[in-house]
Amino acid sequence: MPLSPNLRGAVFMVVSMIAFTSNDAITKFSSESMNMAQVMVVRGLFATLFVCILAWRNGAFANPRLTMQPIVAVRAACEAAATVSFLIALAHLPIANVSAVLQALPLTITMGAAMFLGEGVGWRRWLAIMAGFVGVLIIVRPGFEGFSAYSLMALLCVGFCTIRDLITSKLPSNIPTLLVSFVTSIAVTLTGIALVSPMGGWTPMTTSSTLYLMLAAILLLFGYHFIIMATRTGEMSFIAPFRYTSLLWSIVLGIVIFSEIPDLPMIAGAIFIVASGLYTLYRERVVGKHRTAAESTGPSMAPDGI
């Protein structure tokens, strides 16, 4: 029995979240043998190569002067800063905790759009945003036992991602997405090169460690491919909630690969955040917005470097 377009879109969204989360797990695993700046460089080189091939095949380089627009550079800088803070947090915190904090991104996008872009947000969505922030505080637990300063890096990442996505919504339509991705990937790779020495220098790499990071780059593109298929197949209001399955995969991979068992505050905070995000999506559908909060964010709701 063939699936409906919405169900197929939901399946594609789940597959894309598995790909993005698997990339995060490989990246975290790689941080055990090298610093995160080196991870950025090696993964970034592979990602840049793959994006370059895709951009060339799709004619994205037809007018390279479009990359000279300041808005493209600012977006790339925000992505680079978000990637650095995300990877530092990922290297020192359980993968599920970092993923849970990043689930607040659709809420911060809604808040940012209201504050800086003049989009109307009713009191119900403001309450949902506040509830989501309560969930973030429960996970970060400032001032309590179990607090880690690296949690602040995850919050910083959310901030940079919010600015990135608000800028993305204002990119001129004549700039190809793959061209923006190519510039961003180069910016992230160059940032990694600049940080290799301050973060401890270059570590000799084995064949397996190189292949792992190549696989991580492939998974990024794989995730992008399936999320594009998802958005073109189903209704965004139906498939957007399936982005939150990335949290489930983060918990599973954290347990299986890193033996990270989620504690009660992490689970409680994640419930607050996801419930708030889902309610925000529901309210945006009710008020008839053309773009939902989740639609305006990046595919994995996290910095991906491309």
Protein backbone atom coordinates (compact mmCIF):
# COMPACT_ATOMS: atom_id res chain seq x y z
CA MET A 1 0.00 0.00 0.00
CA PRO A 2 1.65 3.27 -1.10
CA LEU A 3 2.16 5.96 1.52
CA SER A 4 0.46 9.33 1.24
CA PRO A 5 2.66 12.34 0.35
CA ASN A 6 2.60 13.52 3.97
CA LEU A 7 3.65 10.13 5.34
CA ARG A 8 6.42 9.84 2.75
CA GLY A 9 7.56 13.33 3.69
CA ALA A 10 7.57 12.33 7.35
CA VAL A 11 9.70 9.25 6.56
CA PHE A 12 12.14 11.40 4.59
CA MET A 13 12.34 13.84 7.52
CA VAL A 14 13.08 11.02 9.97
CA VAL A 15 15.79 9.64 7.68
CA SER A 16 17.37 13.09 7.42
CA MET A 17 17.38 13.45 11.21
CA ILE A 18 19.07 10.06 11.55
CA ALA A 19 21.75 11.21 9.09
CA PHE A 20 22.36 14.52 10.90
CA THR A 21 22.44 12.89 14.32
CA SER A 22 24.80 10.16 13.10
CA ASN A 23 27.09 12.92 11.84
CA ASP A 24 27.05 14.45 15.33
CA ALA A 25 27.89 11.07 16.90
CA ILE A 26 30.82 10.50 14.52
CA THR A 27 32.06 14.03 15.19
CA LYS A 28 31.87 13.52 18.96
CA PHE A 29 33.66 10.17 18.64
CA SER A 30 36.40 11.81 16.57
CA SER A 31 36.94 14.42 19.29
CA GLU A 32 38.37 11.67 21.49
CA SER A 33 41.45 11.44 19.27
CA MET A 34 41.82 15.03 17.98
CA ASN A 35 40.71 18.53 18.88
CA MET A 36 37.52 19.93 17.45
CA ALA A 37 39.32 22.46 15.26
CA GLN A 38 41.00 19.59 13.43
CA VAL A 39 37.62 17.90 13.10
CA MET A 40 36.28 21.11 11.53
CA VAL A 41 39.16 21.20 9.05
CA VAL A 42 39.03 17.58 7.90
CA ARG A 43 35.25 17.30 7.78
CA GLY A 44 35.07 20.75 6.23
CA LEU A 45 37.47 19.85 3.42
CA PHE A 46 35.36 16.83 2.49
CA ALA A 47 32.11 18.79 2.79
CA THR A 48 33.49 21.64 0.67
CA LEU A 49 34.57 19.20 -2.03
CA PHE A 50 31.19 17.48 -2.11
CA VAL A 51 29.23 20.76 -2.07
CA CYS A 52 31.47 22.15 -4.82
CA ILE A 53 30.64 19.18 -7.04
CA LEU A 54 26.91 19.53 -6.38
CA ALA A 55 26.98 23.29 -6.90
CA TRP A 56 28.87 22.92 -10.17
CA ARG A 57 26.48 20.25 -11.46
CA ASN A 58 23.47 22.42 -10.57
CA GLY A 59 24.87 25.59 -12.13
CA ALA A 60 25.20 27.45 -8.83
CA PHE A 61 28.51 29.00 -9.95
CA ALA A 62 26.93 30.78 -12.91
CA ASN A 63 27.26 34.14 -11.14
CA PRO A 64 29.94 33.84 -8.44
CA ARG A 65 29.83 37.59 -7.77
CA LEU A 66 26.66 36.96 -5.76
CA THR A 67 28.90 35.66 -2.96
CA MET A 68 30.33 39.17 -2.52
CA GLN A 69 27.13 40.41 -0.91
CA PRO A 70 27.71 41.27 2.80
CA ILE A 71 24.68 39.28 3.94
CA VAL A 72 26.30 36.07 2.66
CA ALA A 73 29.50 36.80 4.58
CA VAL A 74 27.63 37.61 7.80
CA ARG A 75 25.63 34.40 7.55
CA ALA A 76 28.81 32.38 6.98
CA ALA A 77 30.45 34.03 10.00
CA CYS A 78 27.46 33.16 12.19
CA GLU A 79 27.56 29.56 10.97
CA ALA A 80 31.28 29.34 11.73
CA ALA A 81 30.78 30.73 15.25
CA ALA A 82 27.83 28.41 15.83
CA THR A 83 29.86 25.43 14.63
CA VAL A 84 32.75 26.20 16.99
CA SER A 85 30.49 26.58 20.04
CA PHE A 86 28.45 23.52 19.08
CA LEU A 87 31.48 21.28 18.64
CA ILE A 88 33.04 22.41 21.92
CA ALA A 89 29.79 21.62 23.73
CA LEU A 90 29.44 18.31 21.90
CA ALA A 91 32.95 17.23 22.90
CA HIS A 92 32.32 17.79 26.62
CA LEU A 93 28.60 17.13 27.14
CA PRO A 94 26.33 14.13 26.50
CA ILE A 95 25.11 14.24 22.91
CA ALA A 96 21.47 14.07 24.05
CA ASN A 97 21.89 17.13 26.29
CA VAL A 98 23.33 19.20 23.46
CA SER A 99 20.59 18.02 21.11
CA ALA A 100 17.89 18.86 23.65
CA VAL A 101 19.14 22.43 24.08
CA LEU A 102 19.27 22.86 20.30
CA GLN A 103 15.59 21.85 20.08
CA ALA A 104 14.83 25.32 21.47
CA LEU A 105 16.00 26.90 18.21
CA PRO A 106 12.52 27.12 16.59
CA LEU A 107 11.37 28.99 19.70
CA THR A 108 14.23 31.47 19.56
CA ILE A 109 13.55 31.94 15.83
CA THR A 110 9.94 32.81 16.59
CA MET A 111 11.06 35.22 19.31
CA GLY A 112 13.72 36.78 17.08
CA ALA A 113 11.28 37.20 14.21
CA ALA A 114 8.89 39.01 16.53
CA MET A 115 11.55 41.25 18.04
CA PHE A 116 13.60 42.13 14.94
CA LEU A 117 11.50 41.33 11.87
CA GLY A 118 8.16 42.65 13.10
CA GLU A 119 6.30 39.34 12.82
CA GLY A 120 3.23 39.05 15.00
CA VAL A 121 3.44 36.61 17.89
CA GLY A 122 0.42 36.17 20.16
CA TRP A 123 0.44 35.68 23.90
CA ARG A 124 0.00 31.91 23.58
CA ARG A 125 3.20 31.54 21.60
CA TRP A 126 5.03 33.86 24.01
CA LEU A 127 3.98 31.56 26.85
CA ALA A 128 5.21 28.57 24.83
CA ILE A 129 8.55 30.30 24.29
CA MET A 130 8.86 31.00 28.02
CA ALA A 131 8.03 27.36 28.81
CA GLY A 132 10.70 26.24 26.35
CA PHE A 133 13.27 28.43 28.06
CA VAL A 134 12.29 26.88 31.39
CA GLY A 135 13.11 23.52 29.82
CA VAL A 136 16.51 24.82 28.72
CA LEU A 137 17.24 26.03 32.26
CA ILE A 138 16.26 22.63 33.66
CA ILE A 139 18.78 20.95 31.36
CA VAL A 140 21.56 23.50 31.90
CA ARG A 141 20.73 23.73 35.66
CA PRO A 142 22.76 26.88 36.42
CA GLY A 143 23.84 27.13 40.06
CA PHE A 144 23.02 23.49 40.78
CA GLU A 145 25.07 20.33 41.03
CA GLY A 146 25.69 18.91 37.58
CA PHE A 147 26.06 22.33 35.95
CA SER A 148 28.78 22.45 33.29
CA ALA A 149 30.24 25.63 31.86
CA TYR A 150 30.17 23.89 28.49
CA SER A 151 26.38 24.14 28.62
CA LEU A 152 26.89 27.85 28.02
CA MET A 153 28.56 26.94 24.72
CA ALA A 154 25.38 25.10 23.70
CA LEU A 155 23.35 28.21 24.56
CA LEU A 156 25.80 30.38 22.63
CA CYS A 157 25.34 28.05 19.68
CA VAL A 158 21.57 28.57 19.83
CA GLY A 159 22.15 32.31 19.74
CA PHE A 160 24.40 32.19 16.68
CA CYS A 161 22.04 29.77 14.92
CA THR A 162 19.14 32.11 15.57
CA ILE A 163 20.98 35.03 13.98
CA ARG A 164 22.04 32.76 11.10
CA ASP A 165 18.49 31.69 10.34
CA LEU A 166 17.02 35.17 10.65
CA ILE A 167 19.63 36.29 8.12
CA THR A 168 18.84 33.30 5.91
CA SER A 169 15.21 34.39 5.71
CA LYS A 170 16.42 37.69 4.23
CA LEU A 171 18.79 36.26 1.61
CA PRO A 172 17.93 37.46 -1.91
CA SER A 173 16.10 34.76 -3.85
CA ASN A 174 18.55 35.00 -6.75
CA ILE A 175 21.40 33.58 -4.65
CA PRO A 176 21.49 29.78 -5.12
CA THR A 177 21.31 27.78 -1.90
CA LEU A 178 24.28 25.63 -2.94
CA LEU A 179 26.36 28.74 -3.54
CA VAL A 180 25.62 29.92 0.01
CA SER A 181 26.45 26.43 1.30
CA PHE A 182 29.76 26.46 -0.57
CA VAL A 183 30.79 29.82 0.90
CA THR A 184 29.71 28.72 4.37
CA SER A 185 31.64 25.46 4.15
CA ILE A 186 34.80 27.34 3.18
CA ALA A 187 34.31 29.80 6.06
CA VAL A 188 33.89 26.97 8.58
CA THR A 189 36.96 25.16 7.25
CA LEU A 190 39.12 28.31 7.42
CA THR A 191 37.92 28.94 10.97
CA GLY A 192 39.00 25.43 11.90
CA ILE A 193 42.43 26.03 10.37
CA ALA A 194 42.82 29.22 12.42
CA LEU A 195 41.88 27.38 15.66
CA VAL A 196 43.98 24.21 15.24
CA SER A 197 47.02 25.64 16.99
CA PRO A 198 45.17 27.39 19.86
CA MET A 199 43.23 24.19 20.53
CA GLY A 200 46.32 22.02 20.88
CA GLY A 201 47.80 21.55 17.43
CA TRP A 202 47.48 18.92 14.75
CA THR A 203 47.20 15.25 15.67
CA PRO A 204 48.47 12.65 13.17
CA MET A 205 45.48 10.91 11.63
CA THR A 206 44.92 7.27 10.86
CA THR A 207 43.11 5.96 7.81
CA SER A 208 40.09 5.06 9.94
CA SER A 209 39.82 8.50 11.56
CA THR A 210 39.97 10.14 8.13
CA LEU A 211 37.30 7.83 6.77
CA TYR A 212 35.07 8.54 9.76
CA LEU A 213 35.13 12.27 9.05
CA MET A 214 34.58 11.67 5.35
CA LEU A 215 31.52 9.62 6.33
CA ALA A 216 30.36 12.49 8.57
CA ALA A 217 30.54 14.89 5.61
CA ILE A 218 28.62 12.43 3.43
CA LEU A 219 25.95 12.08 6.11
CA LEU A 220 25.52 15.87 6.16
CA LEU A 221 24.80 15.91 2.44
CA PHE A 222 22.64 12.80 2.76
CA GLY A 223 20.60 14.56 5.43
CA TYR A 224 20.23 17.64 3.24
CA HIS A 225 19.06 15.52 0.33
CA PHE A 226 16.34 13.83 2.34
CA ILE A 227 15.15 16.98 4.05
CA ILE A 228 14.74 18.62 0.65
CA MET A 229 12.77 15.57 -0.48
CA ALA A 230 10.66 15.84 2.68
CA THR A 231 9.79 19.51 2.18
CA ARG A 232 8.95 18.93 -1.47
CA THR A 233 6.80 15.88 -0.77
CA GLY A 234 4.64 16.69 2.24
CA GLU A 235 3.02 19.67 3.93
CA MET A 236 5.48 21.46 6.19
CA SER A 237 2.94 21.78 9.00
CA PHE A 238 2.65 17.96 9.04
CA ILE A 239 6.29 16.96 8.66
CA ALA A 240 7.97 19.72 10.75
CA PRO A 241 7.30 17.99 14.11
CA PHE A 242 9.28 14.97 12.91
CA ARG A 243 12.42 17.12 13.23
CA TYR A 244 12.21 16.40 16.94
CA THR A 245 13.01 12.73 16.31
CA SER A 246 16.64 13.90 16.22
CA LEU A 247 16.44 14.06 20.02
CA LEU A 248 15.36 10.41 20.15
CA TRP A 249 18.26 9.34 17.94
CA SER A 250 20.66 11.41 20.05
CA ILE A 251 19.52 9.58 23.17
CA VAL A 252 19.85 6.19 21.48
CA LEU A 253 23.29 6.89 20.02
CA GLY A 254 24.45 8.41 23.32
CA ILE A 255 23.51 5.23 25.15
CA VAL A 256 24.84 2.77 22.55
CA ILE A 257 28.11 4.50 21.58
CA PHE A 258 29.06 6.64 24.58
CA SER A 259 27.20 4.89 27.45
CA GLU A 260 25.52 8.21 28.29
CA ILE A 261 22.35 7.57 30.28
CA PRO A 262 20.01 10.60 30.31
CA ASP A 263 19.21 11.84 33.82
CA LEU A 264 15.85 13.09 35.07
CA PRO A 265 16.52 16.85 34.61
CA MET A 266 17.58 16.27 30.99
CA ILE A 267 14.41 14.27 30.25
CA ALA A 268 12.16 16.78 32.02
CA GLY A 269 13.77 19.74 30.25
CA ALA A 270 13.52 18.02 26.87
CA ILE A 271 9.80 17.39 27.43
CA PHE A 272 9.28 21.09 28.17
CA ILE A 273 11.19 22.16 25.05
CA VAL A 274 9.61 19.69 22.63
CA ALA A 275 6.10 20.29 23.96
CA SER A 276 6.61 24.04 23.63
CA GLY A 277 7.93 23.68 20.10
CA LEU A 278 5.05 21.46 19.03
CA TYR A 279 2.52 23.88 20.51
CA THR A 280 4.21 26.78 18.71
CA LEU A 281 3.93 24.87 15.42
CA TYR A 282 0.25 24.21 16.15
CA ARG A 283 -0.45 27.88 16.89
CA GLU A 284 1.37 28.99 13.76
CA ARG A 285 -0.80 26.64 11.74
CA VAL A 286 -3.93 28.01 13.42
CA VAL A 287 -3.03 31.63 12.70
CA GLY A 288 -2.18 30.73 9.12
CA LYS A 289 1.50 31.63 8.92
CA HIS A 290 3.07 30.69 5.60
CA ARG A 291 6.38 29.76 7.23
CA THR A 292 6.53 27.89 10.48
CA ALA A 293 9.28 28.39 13.03
CA ALA A 294 10.72 24.99 12.30
CA GLU A 295 10.66 25.63 8.58
CA SER A 296 12.76 28.76 8.99
CA THR A 297 15.52 26.97 10.85
CA GLY A 298 18.35 24.95 9.43
CA PRO A 299 17.68 21.34 8.53
CA SER A 300 19.11 19.78 11.64
CA MET A 301 18.26 22.70 13.91
CA ALA A 302 22.00 22.80 14.59
CA PRO A 303 25.09 24.19 12.91
CA ASP A 304 26.26 21.81 10.22
CA GLY A 305 29.03 23.76 8.58
CA ILE A 306 27.43 23.82 5.12
